[in-house]
């Protein structure tokens, strides 16, 4: 689990499918994971699964094609998780 310990990942489109699988794998490897999806509820569900693995998580809803919304997500991740080391653009 310690392979990515201390790292922070942001996964866009992370609430289902490949994005969800990537988010969960990053968490299993020890990374704190921010999940971004268009719907807060689905992002939160994945974030809750990540938290259950014993790592920090964050859920945010945004349309990442909108620069202001994308910037808001990045700001939240930096503020709440301490930065971004890994970015997965799945959306």
C-alpha atoms as a PDB file:
ATOM      1  CA  UNK A   1       0.000   0.000   0.000  1.00  0.00           C
ATOM      2  CA  UNK A   2       2.846   2.406   0.691  1.00  0.00           C
ATOM      3  CA  UNK A   3       3.929   2.726  -2.946  1.00  0.00           C
ATOM      4  CA  UNK A   4       2.034   6.031  -3.365  1.00  0.00           C
ATOM      5  CA  UNK A   5       1.819   7.030   0.294  1.00  0.00           C
ATOM      6  CA  UNK A   6       2.096  10.796   0.686  1.00  0.00           C
ATOM      7  CA  UNK A   7       0.961  11.441  -2.889  1.00  0.00           C
ATOM      8  CA  UNK A   8      -2.274  13.157  -3.908  1.00  0.00           C
ATOM      9  CA  UNK A   9      -4.177  12.185  -7.050  1.00  0.00           C
ATOM     10  CA  UNK A  10      -6.983  14.000  -8.846  1.00  0.00           C
ATOM     11  CA  UNK A  11      -9.117  11.787 -11.081  1.00  0.00           C
ATOM     12  CA  UNK A  12     -11.605  13.505 -13.373  1.00  0.00           C
ATOM     13  CA  UNK A  13     -14.488  11.304 -14.429  1.00  0.00           C
ATOM     14  CA  UNK A  14     -13.660   9.247 -11.365  1.00  0.00           C
ATOM     15  CA  UNK A  15     -17.114   8.177 -10.267  1.00  0.00           C
ATOM     16  CA  UNK A  16     -17.650   5.187 -12.558  1.00  0.00           C
ATOM     17  CA  UNK A  17     -16.066   2.884 -15.095  1.00  0.00           C
ATOM     18  CA  UNK A  18     -12.371   3.220 -15.815  1.00  0.00           C
ATOM     19  CA  UNK A  19     -12.048   6.439 -13.799  1.00  0.00           C
ATOM     20  CA  UNK A  20     -13.519   4.793 -10.708  1.00  0.00           C
ATOM     21  CA  UNK A  21     -11.232   1.780 -11.119  1.00  0.00           C
ATOM     22  CA  UNK A  22      -8.192   4.063 -11.422  1.00  0.00           C
ATOM     23  CA  UNK A  23      -9.244   6.097  -8.369  1.00  0.00           C
ATOM     24  CA  UNK A  24      -9.687   2.963  -6.273  1.00  0.00           C
ATOM     25  CA  UNK A  25      -6.348   1.518  -7.426  1.00  0.00           C
ATOM     26  CA  UNK A  26      -4.514   4.735  -6.578  1.00  0.00           C
ATOM     27  CA  UNK A  27      -6.094   4.616  -3.118  1.00  0.00           C
ATOM     28  CA  UNK A  28      -5.136   0.947  -2.684  1.00  0.00           C
ATOM     29  CA  UNK A  29      -1.563   1.989  -3.436  1.00  0.00           C
ATOM     30  CA  UNK A  30      -1.744   4.624  -0.679  1.00  0.00           C
ATOM     31  CA  UNK A  31      -2.509   7.884  -2.493  1.00  0.00           C
ATOM     32  CA  UNK A  32      -5.050  10.372  -1.218  1.00  0.00           C
ATOM     33  CA  UNK A  33      -7.577  10.709  -4.035  1.00  0.00           C
ATOM     34  CA  UNK A  34      -9.826  13.552  -5.159  1.00  0.00           C
ATOM     35  CA  UNK A  35     -12.705  12.334  -7.300  1.00  0.00           C
ATOM     36  CA  UNK A  36     -14.239  14.787  -9.746  1.00  0.00           C
ATOM     37  CA  UNK A  37     -17.471  14.008 -11.577  1.00  0.00           C
ATOM     38  CA  UNK A  38     -20.390  15.935 -13.010  1.00  0.00           C
ATOM     39  CA  UNK A  39     -22.625  14.673 -10.203  1.00  0.00           C
ATOM     40  CA  UNK A  40     -21.615  15.254  -6.572  1.00  0.00           C
ATOM     41  CA  UNK A  41     -23.479  12.170  -5.342  1.00  0.00           C
ATOM     42  CA  UNK A  42     -21.641   9.732  -7.577  1.00  0.00           C
ATOM     43  CA  UNK A  43     -18.304  11.371  -6.801  1.00  0.00           C
ATOM     44  CA  UNK A  44     -19.067  11.145  -3.084  1.00  0.00           C
ATOM     45  CA  UNK A  45     -19.926   7.452  -3.340  1.00  0.00           C
ATOM     46  CA  UNK A  46     -16.502   6.696  -4.818  1.00  0.00           C
ATOM     47  CA  UNK A  47     -14.808   8.991  -2.286  1.00  0.00           C
ATOM     48  CA  UNK A  48     -16.548   7.087   0.524  1.00  0.00           C
ATOM     49  CA  UNK A  49     -15.210   3.802  -0.873  1.00  0.00           C
ATOM     50  CA  UNK A  50     -11.731   5.332  -0.927  1.00  0.00           C
ATOM     51  CA  UNK A  51     -12.045   6.556   2.666  1.00  0.00           C
ATOM     52  CA  UNK A  52     -13.060   3.029   3.692  1.00  0.00           C
ATOM     53  CA  UNK A  53      -9.625   1.907   2.465  1.00  0.00           C
ATOM     54  CA  UNK A  54      -8.054   4.152   5.100  1.00  0.00           C
ATOM     55  CA  UNK A  55      -6.816   6.974   2.885  1.00  0.00           C
ATOM     56  CA  UNK A  56      -7.970  10.563   2.529  1.00  0.00           C
ATOM     57  CA  UNK A  57     -10.466  11.391  -0.176  1.00  0.00           C
ATOM     58  CA  UNK A  58     -12.354  14.346  -1.554  1.00  0.00           C
ATOM     59  CA  UNK A  59     -15.383  14.539  -3.835  1.00  0.00           C
ATOM     60  CA  UNK A  60     -16.184  17.480  -6.080  1.00  0.00           C
ATOM     61  CA  UNK A  61     -18.659  17.988  -8.884  1.00  0.00           C
ATOM     62  CA  UNK A  62     -17.648  19.989 -11.925  1.00  0.00           C
ATOM     63  CA  UNK A  63     -17.793  20.188 -15.677  1.00  0.00           C
ATOM     64  CA  UNK A  64     -14.064  20.170 -16.390  1.00  0.00           C
ATOM     65  CA  UNK A  65     -14.640  21.677 -19.832  1.00  0.00           C
ATOM     66  CA  UNK A  66     -15.523  24.884 -17.927  1.00  0.00           C
ATOM     67  CA  UNK A  67     -12.256  26.575 -16.907  1.00  0.00           C
ATOM     68  CA  UNK A  68     -13.722  28.216 -13.791  1.00  0.00           C
ATOM     69  CA  UNK A  69     -15.184  24.950 -12.520  1.00  0.00           C
ATOM     70  CA  UNK A  70     -11.952  23.088 -13.224  1.00  0.00           C
ATOM     71  CA  UNK A  71      -9.924  25.750 -11.408  1.00  0.00           C
ATOM     72  CA  UNK A  72     -12.281  25.529  -8.446  1.00  0.00           C
ATOM     73  CA  UNK A  73     -11.694  21.778  -8.198  1.00  0.00           C
ATOM     74  CA  UNK A  74      -7.927  22.239  -8.337  1.00  0.00           C
ATOM     75  CA  UNK A  75      -8.100  24.917  -5.627  1.00  0.00           C
ATOM     76  CA  UNK A  76     -10.166  22.605  -3.400  1.00  0.00           C
ATOM     77  CA  UNK A  77      -7.744  19.711  -3.843  1.00  0.00           C
ATOM     78  CA  UNK A  78      -4.722  21.888  -3.077  1.00  0.00           C
ATOM     79  CA  UNK A  79      -6.413  23.396  -0.015  1.00  0.00           C
ATOM     80  CA  UNK A  80      -7.874  20.196   1.414  1.00  0.00           C
ATOM     81  CA  UNK A  81      -5.334  17.559   0.387  1.00  0.00           C
ATOM     82  CA  UNK A  82      -2.168  19.638   0.085  1.00  0.00           C
ATOM     83  CA  UNK A  83      -1.435  19.661  -3.645  1.00  0.00           C
ATOM     84  CA  UNK A  84      -1.649  17.436  -6.694  1.00  0.00           C
ATOM     85  CA  UNK A  85       1.059  14.913  -7.545  1.00  0.00           C
ATOM     86  CA  UNK A  86      -0.907  12.745  -9.978  1.00  0.00           C
ATOM     87  CA  UNK A  87      -3.512  13.936 -12.485  1.00  0.00           C
ATOM     88  CA  UNK A  88      -5.722  11.489 -14.368  1.00  0.00           C
ATOM     89  CA  UNK A  89      -7.805  13.211 -17.046  1.00  0.00           C
ATOM     90  CA  UNK A  90     -10.525  10.643 -17.600  1.00  0.00           C
ATOM     91  CA  UNK A  91     -13.459  13.009 -18.231  1.00  0.00           C
END
